[in-house]
C-alpha atoms as a PDB file:
ATOM      1  CA  UNK A   1      86.615  71.287 100.404  1.00  0.00           C
ATOM      2  CA  UNK A   2      90.138  72.221  98.329  1.00  0.00           C
ATOM      3  CA  UNK A   3      88.464  71.576  95.364  1.00  0.00           C
ATOM      4  CA  UNK A   4      85.353  73.788  95.721  1.00  0.00           C
ATOM      5  CA  UNK A   5      88.754  76.741  96.890  1.00  0.00           C
ATOM      6  CA  UNK A   6      90.034  75.907  93.627  1.00  0.00           C
ATOM      7  CA  UNK A   7      87.440  76.111  91.417  1.00  0.00           C
ATOM      8  CA  UNK A   8      86.281  79.168  92.910  1.00  0.00           C
ATOM      9  CA  UNK A   9      89.504  80.236  91.870  1.00  0.00           C
ATOM     10  CA  UNK A  10      90.021  78.733  88.614  1.00  0.00           C
ATOM     11  CA  UNK A  11      86.387  80.414  87.985  1.00  0.00           C
ATOM     12  CA  UNK A  12      87.140  84.010  88.317  1.00  0.00           C
ATOM     13  CA  UNK A  13      90.232  83.786  86.976  1.00  0.00           C
ATOM     14  CA  UNK A  14      88.685  82.531  83.932  1.00  0.00           C
ATOM     15  CA  UNK A  15      86.110  85.071  84.349  1.00  0.00           C
ATOM     16  CA  UNK A  16      89.472  87.967  83.912  1.00  0.00           C
ATOM     17  CA  UNK A  17      90.422  88.881  87.716  1.00  0.00           C
ATOM     18  CA  UNK A  18      93.728  89.071  86.749  1.00  0.00           C
ATOM     19  CA  UNK A  19      94.816  90.463  90.003  1.00  0.00           C
ATOM     20  CA  UNK A  20      94.234  86.652  91.462  1.00  0.00           C
ATOM     21  CA  UNK A  21      97.682  85.241  90.071  1.00  0.00           C
ATOM     22  CA  UNK A  22      99.601  85.928  92.680  1.00  0.00           C
ATOM     23  CA  UNK A  23      97.246  82.603  94.677  1.00  0.00           C
ATOM     24  CA  UNK A  24      98.440  80.415  91.699  1.00  0.00           C
ATOM     25  CA  UNK A  25     102.070  81.583  91.667  1.00  0.00           C
ATOM     26  CA  UNK A  26     102.081  81.441  95.605  1.00  0.00           C
ATOM     27  CA  UNK A  27     101.243  77.437  94.960  1.00  0.00           C
ATOM     28  CA  UNK A  28     103.154  77.119  92.097  1.00  0.00           C
ATOM     29  CA  UNK A  29     106.491  78.761  93.729  1.00  0.00           C
ATOM     30  CA  UNK A  30     105.838  76.813  97.492  1.00  0.00           C
ATOM     31  CA  UNK A  31     105.454  73.377  95.438  1.00  0.00           C
ATOM     32  CA  UNK A  32     108.332  73.741  93.759  1.00  0.00           C
ATOM     33  CA  UNK A  33     110.470  74.655  96.292  1.00  0.00           C
ATOM     34  CA  UNK A  34     109.018  71.619  98.500  1.00  0.00           C
ATOM     35  CA  UNK A  35     110.620  69.347  95.470  1.00  0.00           C
ATOM     36  CA  UNK A  36     113.755  70.723  95.113  1.00  0.00           C
ATOM     37  CA  UNK A  37     114.546  71.096  99.444  1.00  0.00           C
ATOM     38  CA  UNK A  38     113.820  67.734  98.768  1.00  0.00           C
ATOM     39  CA  UNK A  39     116.229  66.593  95.945  1.00  0.00           C
ATOM     40  CA  UNK A  40     118.775  68.532  97.488  1.00  0.00           C
ATOM     41  CA  UNK A  41     118.326  66.428 101.334  1.00  0.00           C
ATOM     42  CA  UNK A  42     118.367  63.272  99.316  1.00  0.00           C
ATOM     43  CA  UNK A  43     121.512  64.346  96.911  1.00  0.00           C
ATOM     44  CA  UNK A  44     123.291  66.107  99.987  1.00  0.00           C
ATOM     45  CA  UNK A  45     122.466  63.058 102.077  1.00  0.00           C
ATOM     46  CA  UNK A  46     121.824  65.584 104.851  1.00  0.00           C
ATOM     47  CA  UNK A  47     121.081  63.833 108.163  1.00  0.00           C
ATOM     48  CA  UNK A  48     118.220  64.684 110.555  1.00  0.00           C
ATOM     49  CA  UNK A  49     117.244  63.347 113.935  1.00  0.00           C
ATOM     50  CA  UNK A  50     115.545  59.497 114.156  1.00  0.00           C
ATOM     51  CA  UNK A  51     112.598  61.535 115.391  1.00  0.00           C
ATOM     52  CA  UNK A  52     112.301  63.420 112.434  1.00  0.00           C
ATOM     53  CA  UNK A  53     110.885  62.868 108.860  1.00  0.00           C
ATOM     54  CA  UNK A  54     112.555  63.919 105.169  1.00  0.00           C
ATOM     55  CA  UNK A  55     109.135  65.104 104.898  1.00  0.00           C
ATOM     56  CA  UNK A  56     108.193  66.717 107.611  1.00  0.00           C
ATOM     57  CA  UNK A  57     111.858  68.712 107.210  1.00  0.00           C
ATOM     58  CA  UNK A  58     110.838  69.536 103.313  1.00  0.00           C
ATOM     59  CA  UNK A  59     107.432  71.306 104.962  1.00  0.00           C
ATOM     60  CA  UNK A  60     109.062  72.925 107.932  1.00  0.00           C
ATOM     61  CA  UNK A  61     111.746  74.833 105.876  1.00  0.00           C
ATOM     62  CA  UNK A  62     109.013  75.730 103.200  1.00  0.00           C
ATOM     63  CA  UNK A  63     107.222  76.799 105.863  1.00  0.00           C
ATOM     64  CA  UNK A  64     110.249  79.221 107.050  1.00  0.00           C
ATOM     65  CA  UNK A  65     110.699  80.704 103.935  1.00  0.00           C
ATOM     66  CA  UNK A  66     107.425  81.932 103.757  1.00  0.00           C
ATOM     67  CA  UNK A  67     107.824  83.798 107.124  1.00  0.00           C
ATOM     68  CA  UNK A  68     111.006  85.029 106.325  1.00  0.00           C
ATOM     69  CA  UNK A  69     109.712  86.544 102.226  1.00  0.00           C
ATOM     70  CA  UNK A  70     106.559  87.576 103.984  1.00  0.00           C
ATOM     71  CA  UNK A  71     106.900  89.306 106.928  1.00  0.00           C
ATOM     72  CA  UNK A  72     109.871  91.015 104.920  1.00  0.00           C
ATOM     73  CA  UNK A  73     107.188  92.184 102.195  1.00  0.00           C
ATOM     74  CA  UNK A  74     104.412  92.720 104.907  1.00  0.00           C
ATOM     75  CA  UNK A  75     107.061  95.359 106.239  1.00  0.00           C
ATOM     76  CA  UNK A  76     107.939  96.538 103.347  1.00  0.00           C
ATOM     77  CA  UNK A  77     104.434  97.174 102.564  1.00  0.00           C
ATOM     78  CA  UNK A  78     103.942  99.589 105.800  1.00  0.00           C
ATOM     79  CA  UNK A  79     106.641 100.950 105.263  1.00  0.00           C
ATOM     80  CA  UNK A  80     105.957 102.766 102.288  1.00  0.00           C
ATOM     81  CA  UNK A  81     102.727 103.733 103.375  1.00  0.00           C
ATOM     82  CA  UNK A  82     104.152 104.770 106.346  1.00  0.00           C
ATOM     83  CA  UNK A  83     106.260 107.245 104.327  1.00  0.00           C
ATOM     84  CA  UNK A  84     103.446 107.849 101.745  1.00  0.00           C
ATOM     85  CA  UNK A  85     100.885 109.354 104.443  1.00  0.00           C
ATOM     86  CA  UNK A  86     103.035 110.292 107.669  1.00  0.00           C
ATOM     87  CA  UNK A  87     101.473 108.774 110.577  1.00  0.00           C
ATOM     88  CA  UNK A  88     100.483 106.235 111.532  1.00  0.00           C
ATOM     89  CA  UNK A  89      96.970 107.516 112.254  1.00  0.00           C
ATOM     90  CA  UNK A  90      95.633 108.253 108.804  1.00  0.00           C
ATOM     91  CA  UNK A  91      97.355 104.706 107.743  1.00  0.00           C
ATOM     92  CA  UNK A  92      94.763 102.917 111.163  1.00  0.00           C
ATOM     93  CA  UNK A  93      91.880 104.667 109.625  1.00  0.00           C
ATOM     94  CA  UNK A  94      88.837 102.420 108.760  1.00  0.00           C
ATOM     95  CA  UNK A  95      88.906 103.840 105.315  1.00  0.00           C
ATOM     96  CA  UNK A  96      92.306 102.893 104.906  1.00  0.00           C
ATOM     97  CA  UNK A  97      92.326  99.710 106.447  1.00  0.00           C
ATOM     98  CA  UNK A  98      88.977  98.152 104.965  1.00  0.00           C
ATOM     99  CA  UNK A  99      87.749 100.083 101.552  1.00  0.00           C
ATOM    100  CA  UNK A 100      91.797 100.635 100.245  1.00  0.00           C
ATOM    101  CA  UNK A 101      94.832  98.590  99.648  1.00  0.00           C
ATOM    102  CA  UNK A 102      98.491  99.664 100.281  1.00  0.00           C
ATOM    103  CA  UNK A 103     100.258  99.323  97.260  1.00  0.00           C
ATOM    104  CA  UNK A 104     101.721  95.759  97.121  1.00  0.00           C
ATOM    105  CA  UNK A 105      99.214  94.560  99.956  1.00  0.00           C
ATOM    106  CA  UNK A 106      96.492  93.091  97.807  1.00  0.00           C
ATOM    107  CA  UNK A 107      99.829  90.605  96.098  1.00  0.00           C
ATOM    108  CA  UNK A 108     101.404  90.120  99.198  1.00  0.00           C
ATOM    109  CA  UNK A 109      98.202  88.821 100.342  1.00  0.00           C
ATOM    110  CA  UNK A 110      97.394  86.935  97.330  1.00  0.00           C
ATOM    111  CA  UNK A 111     100.639  84.885  97.416  1.00  0.00           C
ATOM    112  CA  UNK A 112     100.389  83.945 100.999  1.00  0.00           C
ATOM    113  CA  UNK A 113      97.197  82.729 100.115  1.00  0.00           C
ATOM    114  CA  UNK A 114      98.680  80.498  97.927  1.00  0.00           C
ATOM    115  CA  UNK A 115     101.165  79.329 100.455  1.00  0.00           C
ATOM    116  CA  UNK A 116      97.891  78.415 102.841  1.00  0.00           C
ATOM    117  CA  UNK A 117      96.608  76.841  99.763  1.00  0.00           C
ATOM    118  CA  UNK A 118      99.914  74.373  98.828  1.00  0.00           C
ATOM    119  CA  UNK A 119     100.427  73.258 103.055  1.00  0.00           C
ATOM    120  CA  UNK A 120      97.234  72.682 103.359  1.00  0.00           C
ATOM    121  CA  UNK A 121      97.895  70.490  99.833  1.00  0.00           C
ATOM    122  CA  UNK A 122     101.147  68.965 101.755  1.00  0.00           C
ATOM    123  CA  UNK A 123     100.008  68.308 104.613  1.00  0.00           C
ATOM    124  CA  UNK A 124      97.037  65.729 103.957  1.00  0.00           C
ATOM    125  CA  UNK A 125      98.754  63.992 100.749  1.00  0.00           C
ATOM    126  CA  UNK A 126     102.067  63.121 102.779  1.00  0.00           C
ATOM    127  CA  UNK A 127      99.646  63.006 106.328  1.00  0.00           C
ATOM    128  CA  UNK A 128     102.099  65.593 107.998  1.00  0.00           C
ATOM    129  CA  UNK A 129      99.279  65.684 111.122  1.00  0.00           C
ATOM    130  CA  UNK A 130      97.767  63.932 114.379  1.00  0.00           C
ATOM    131  CA  UNK A 131      94.069  63.251 114.948  1.00  0.00           C
ATOM    132  CA  UNK A 132      90.970  63.720 113.290  1.00  0.00           C
ATOM    133  CA  UNK A 133      90.641  67.420 114.087  1.00  0.00           C
ATOM    134  CA  UNK A 134      94.337  69.111 113.461  1.00  0.00           C
ATOM    135  CA  UNK A 135      94.011  72.573 115.041  1.00  0.00           C
ATOM    136  CA  UNK A 136      97.300  73.639 112.072  1.00  0.00           C
ATOM    137  CA  UNK A 137      94.890  72.087 109.274  1.00  0.00           C
ATOM    138  CA  UNK A 138      91.616  73.821 110.533  1.00  0.00           C
ATOM    139  CA  UNK A 139      93.611  76.708 110.778  1.00  0.00           C
ATOM    140  CA  UNK A 140      94.973  77.031 107.930  1.00  0.00           C
ATOM    141  CA  UNK A 141      91.702  76.332 106.278  1.00  0.00           C
ATOM    142  CA  UNK A 142      90.412  79.065 107.980  1.00  0.00           C
ATOM    143  CA  UNK A 143      92.746  81.698 107.010  1.00  0.00           C
ATOM    144  CA  UNK A 144      92.575  80.340 103.456  1.00  0.00           C
ATOM    145  CA  UNK A 145      88.661  81.088 102.904  1.00  0.00           C
ATOM    146  CA  UNK A 146      88.496  84.298 105.024  1.00  0.00           C
ATOM    147  CA  UNK A 147      91.903  86.042 102.410  1.00  0.00           C
ATOM    148  CA  UNK A 148      89.784  84.439  99.297  1.00  0.00           C
ATOM    149  CA  UNK A 149      87.017  85.653 100.361  1.00  0.00           C
ATOM    150  CA  UNK A 150      88.574  88.905 101.090  1.00  0.00           C
ATOM    151  CA  UNK A 151      90.366  89.309  97.230  1.00  0.00           C
ATOM    152  CA  UNK A 152      87.435  88.217  95.860  1.00  0.00           C
ATOM    153  CA  UNK A 153      85.454  90.629  96.876  1.00  0.00           C
ATOM    154  CA  UNK A 154      89.164  93.430  97.651  1.00  0.00           C
ATOM    155  CA  UNK A 155      88.006  94.514 101.471  1.00  0.00           C
ATOM    156  CA  UNK A 156      89.609  94.434 104.484  1.00  0.00           C
ATOM    157  CA  UNK A 157      92.988  93.546 102.554  1.00  0.00           C
ATOM    158  CA  UNK A 158      95.099  95.923 104.996  1.00  0.00           C
ATOM    159  CA  UNK A 159      93.602  94.133 107.912  1.00  0.00           C
ATOM    160  CA  UNK A 160      94.700  91.724 106.871  1.00  0.00           C
ATOM    161  CA  UNK A 161      98.090  92.011 105.410  1.00  0.00           C
ATOM    162  CA  UNK A 162      99.207  93.346 108.712  1.00  0.00           C
ATOM    163  CA  UNK A 163      97.747  90.473 110.686  1.00  0.00           C
ATOM    164  CA  UNK A 164     100.996  88.395 108.825  1.00  0.00           C
ATOM    165  CA  UNK A 165     103.520  90.848 110.549  1.00  0.00           C
ATOM    166  CA  UNK A 166     103.121  87.710 112.940  1.00  0.00           C
ATOM    167  CA  UNK A 167     105.476  85.969 110.255  1.00  0.00           C
ATOM    168  CA  UNK A 168     108.248  87.539 111.702  1.00  0.00           C
ATOM    169  CA  UNK A 169     107.503  85.651 115.184  1.00  0.00           C
ATOM    170  CA  UNK A 170     107.362  82.517 112.901  1.00  0.00           C
ATOM    171  CA  UNK A 171     110.634  82.763 111.143  1.00  0.00           C
ATOM    172  CA  UNK A 172     112.000  81.869 114.969  1.00  0.00           C
ATOM    173  CA  UNK A 173     108.786  79.201 115.220  1.00  0.00           C
ATOM    174  CA  UNK A 174     110.231  77.594 112.191  1.00  0.00           C
ATOM    175  CA  UNK A 175     114.187  78.420 112.731  1.00  0.00           C
ATOM    176  CA  UNK A 176     114.077  76.551 116.410  1.00  0.00           C
ATOM    177  CA  UNK A 177     112.249  72.928 114.894  1.00  0.00           C
ATOM    178  CA  UNK A 178     114.917  73.219 112.000  1.00  0.00           C
ATOM    179  CA  UNK A 179     117.423  72.982 113.869  1.00  0.00           C
ATOM    180  CA  UNK A 180     116.360  70.395 116.393  1.00  0.00           C
ATOM    181  CA  UNK A 181     115.895  68.147 112.892  1.00  0.00           C
ATOM    182  CA  UNK A 182     119.331  68.433 112.195  1.00  0.00           C
ATOM    183  CA  UNK A 183     121.311  68.907 115.730  1.00  0.00           C
ATOM    184  CA  UNK A 184     122.784  71.716 114.938  1.00  0.00           C
ATOM    185  CA  UNK A 185     120.687  73.233 117.912  1.00  0.00           C
ATOM    186  CA  UNK A 186     123.334  72.846 121.198  1.00  0.00           C
ATOM    187  CA  UNK A 187     121.265  73.917 124.254  1.00  0.00           C
ATOM    188  CA  UNK A 188     123.715  77.259 126.007  1.00  0.00           C
ATOM    189  CA  UNK A 189     124.980  78.663 123.020  1.00  0.00           C
ATOM    190  CA  UNK A 190     124.915  81.772 121.607  1.00  0.00           C
ATOM    191  CA  UNK A 191     123.184  80.804 118.961  1.00  0.00           C
ATOM    192  CA  UNK A 192     120.414  79.080 120.610  1.00  0.00           C
ATOM    193  CA  UNK A 193     120.178  81.986 123.036  1.00  0.00           C
ATOM    194  CA  UNK A 194     119.806  84.511 120.985  1.00  0.00           C
ATOM    195  CA  UNK A 195     116.878  82.699 119.391  1.00  0.00           C
ATOM    196  CA  UNK A 196     115.532  82.445 122.234  1.00  0.00           C
ATOM    197  CA  UNK A 197     115.432  86.660 122.830  1.00  0.00           C
ATOM    198  CA  UNK A 198     114.276  87.633 119.142  1.00  0.00           C
ATOM    199  CA  UNK A 199     111.219  84.172 119.370  1.00  0.00           C
ATOM    200  CA  UNK A 200     110.239  86.010 122.754  1.00  0.00           C
ATOM    201  CA  UNK A 201     110.525  89.673 121.589  1.00  0.00           C
ATOM    202  CA  UNK A 202     108.972  89.031 117.485  1.00  0.00           C
ATOM    203  CA  UNK A 203     106.491  86.733 119.949  1.00  0.00           C
ATOM    204  CA  UNK A 204     105.134  89.654 121.986  1.00  0.00           C
ATOM    205  CA  UNK A 205     105.807  92.873 119.429  1.00  0.00           C
ATOM    206  CA  UNK A 206     104.478  90.770 115.774  1.00  0.00           C
ATOM    207  CA  UNK A 207     102.491  88.738 118.105  1.00  0.00           C
ATOM    208  CA  UNK A 208     100.275  89.741 120.310  1.00  0.00           C
ATOM    209  CA  UNK A 209     100.760  93.323 120.315  1.00  0.00           C
ATOM    210  CA  UNK A 210     100.161  93.950 116.444  1.00  0.00           C
ATOM    211  CA  UNK A 211      96.867  91.124 116.672  1.00  0.00           C
ATOM    212  CA  UNK A 212      96.102  92.687 120.063  1.00  0.00           C
ATOM    213  CA  UNK A 213      96.090  96.635 118.188  1.00  0.00           C
ATOM    214  CA  UNK A 214      94.142  94.535 115.389  1.00  0.00           C
ATOM    215  CA  UNK A 215      91.016  92.913 117.651  1.00  0.00           C
ATOM    216  CA  UNK A 216      90.963  96.781 119.765  1.00  0.00           C
ATOM    217  CA  UNK A 217      90.645  98.145 116.417  1.00  0.00           C
ATOM    218  CA  UNK A 218      87.525  96.679 114.702  1.00  0.00           C
ATOM    219  CA  UNK A 219      85.794  96.677 117.981  1.00  0.00           C
ATOM    220  CA  UNK A 220      86.308 100.675 117.548  1.00  0.00           C
ATOM    221  CA  UNK A 221      85.231 100.177 114.047  1.00  0.00           C
ATOM    222  CA  UNK A 222      82.428  97.744 114.595  1.00  0.00           C
ATOM    223  CA  UNK A 223      79.595 100.428 113.801  1.00  0.00           C
ATOM    224  CA  UNK A 224      81.108 101.148 110.714  1.00  0.00           C
ATOM    225  CA  UNK A 225      81.655  97.859 108.452  1.00  0.00           C
ATOM    226  CA  UNK A 226      78.654  98.123 105.929  1.00  0.00           C
ATOM    227  CA  UNK A 227      77.662  93.931 106.422  1.00  0.00           C
ATOM    228  CA  UNK A 228      76.862  92.447 110.006  1.00  0.00           C
ATOM    229  CA  UNK A 229      78.288  89.395 108.423  1.00  0.00           C
ATOM    230  CA  UNK A 230      81.842  90.896 107.375  1.00  0.00           C
ATOM    231  CA  UNK A 231      82.932  92.282 110.922  1.00  0.00           C
ATOM    232  CA  UNK A 232      80.940  88.419 112.634  1.00  0.00           C
ATOM    233  CA  UNK A 233      83.697  87.237 110.398  1.00  0.00           C
ATOM    234  CA  UNK A 234      86.534  89.296 110.916  1.00  0.00           C
ATOM    235  CA  UNK A 235      85.528  89.498 114.829  1.00  0.00           C
ATOM    236  CA  UNK A 236      85.308  85.729 114.883  1.00  0.00           C
ATOM    237  CA  UNK A 237      88.607  85.121 112.713  1.00  0.00           C
ATOM    238  CA  UNK A 238      90.691  87.686 115.305  1.00  0.00           C
ATOM    239  CA  UNK A 239      89.249  86.188 118.184  1.00  0.00           C
ATOM    240  CA  UNK A 240      90.917  82.990 117.128  1.00  0.00           C
ATOM    241  CA  UNK A 241      94.314  84.371 116.394  1.00  0.00           C
ATOM    242  CA  UNK A 242      94.177  85.676 120.206  1.00  0.00           C
ATOM    243  CA  UNK A 243      93.721  82.653 121.809  1.00  0.00           C
ATOM    244  CA  UNK A 244      96.042  80.491 119.159  1.00  0.00           C
ATOM    245  CA  UNK A 245      98.615  83.163 120.206  1.00  0.00           C
ATOM    246  CA  UNK A 246      97.709  82.076 123.514  1.00  0.00           C
ATOM    247  CA  UNK A 247      98.341  79.269 123.380  1.00  0.00           C
ATOM    248  CA  UNK A 248     101.321  79.340 121.259  1.00  0.00           C
ATOM    249  CA  UNK A 249     103.395  81.592 124.182  1.00  0.00           C
ATOM    250  CA  UNK A 250     102.250  78.904 126.925  1.00  0.00           C
ATOM    251  CA  UNK A 251     103.688  76.512 124.806  1.00  0.00           C
ATOM    252  CA  UNK A 252     106.725  78.163 124.389  1.00  0.00           C
ATOM    253  CA  UNK A 253     106.877  79.367 127.818  1.00  0.00           C
ATOM    254  CA  UNK A 254     106.825  75.240 128.609  1.00  0.00           C
ATOM    255  CA  UNK A 255     108.785  74.734 125.922  1.00  0.00           C
ATOM    256  CA  UNK A 256     111.834  77.141 127.288  1.00  0.00           C
ATOM    257  CA  UNK A 257     111.822  76.051 130.798  1.00  0.00           C
ATOM    258  CA  UNK A 258     112.022  71.825 129.866  1.00  0.00           C
ATOM    259  CA  UNK A 259     115.473  73.375 127.420  1.00  0.00           C
ATOM    260  CA  UNK A 260     116.037  74.800 131.476  1.00  0.00           C
ATOM    261  CA  UNK A 261     116.160  72.137 133.131  1.00  0.00           C
ATOM    262  CA  UNK A 262     117.405  69.955 130.726  1.00  0.00           C
ATOM    263  CA  UNK A 263     120.591  72.040 130.937  1.00  0.00           C
ATOM    264  CA  UNK A 264     121.223  72.150 134.567  1.00  0.00           C
ATOM    265  CA  UNK A 265     120.779  68.846 134.474  1.00  0.00           C
ATOM    266  CA  UNK A 266     123.995  68.349 132.040  1.00  0.00           C
ATOM    267  CA  UNK A 267     125.301  71.212 133.917  1.00  0.00           C
END
């Protein structure tokens, strides 16, 4: 499947679609950072917990970098457009979200597309998944296809860029795993309490609220979509994200309660 995707992207680039170059740049950048992080891990002999593998560490480390870069980039795109239009209502008009591309939005989406391609390859090559139907691999594969289709047709760019605001929350998810892998996470510490507070704030705002608003907006704009297939893809994609967000929230709640019980037992 990745080979088919690569052939499609390569074909479009050869046909002069230079706007897709950030996809290749993203793939090369994150793959290079993976290699550099792996080398640094070996050179500095960073100790990981027994349950953690170097490949898991580098993969999550790259994911953390992606979340940081993309959340800052998308935030900048939104703020620039808000300053330019002076109104959230104008930003969220159907024509703005579907037909236009805010300054930098196309490149950010393409760069992030390159990350999802890299992550697919890394997880498959290093077997960083479990079971015959790994949810994360399927999730990234669907995102990769949706993003690429939107980039090729140059539609719904701003809709998709807004969904990437959830990367603000992903920063704290990835940091939580990195700190656990390296053993620097101390239950009950100010750092961990602060992390949980920011984790929950960004979960409810950048993930639940943003994705909820986009889902409602899709419902309100249903009759404005020129293609029913596009509407079906967008609606089913957001439904999938909303379900995943609820599952993620339940997992976070269980993890938080587990840590509270562990801290209480140690007291």
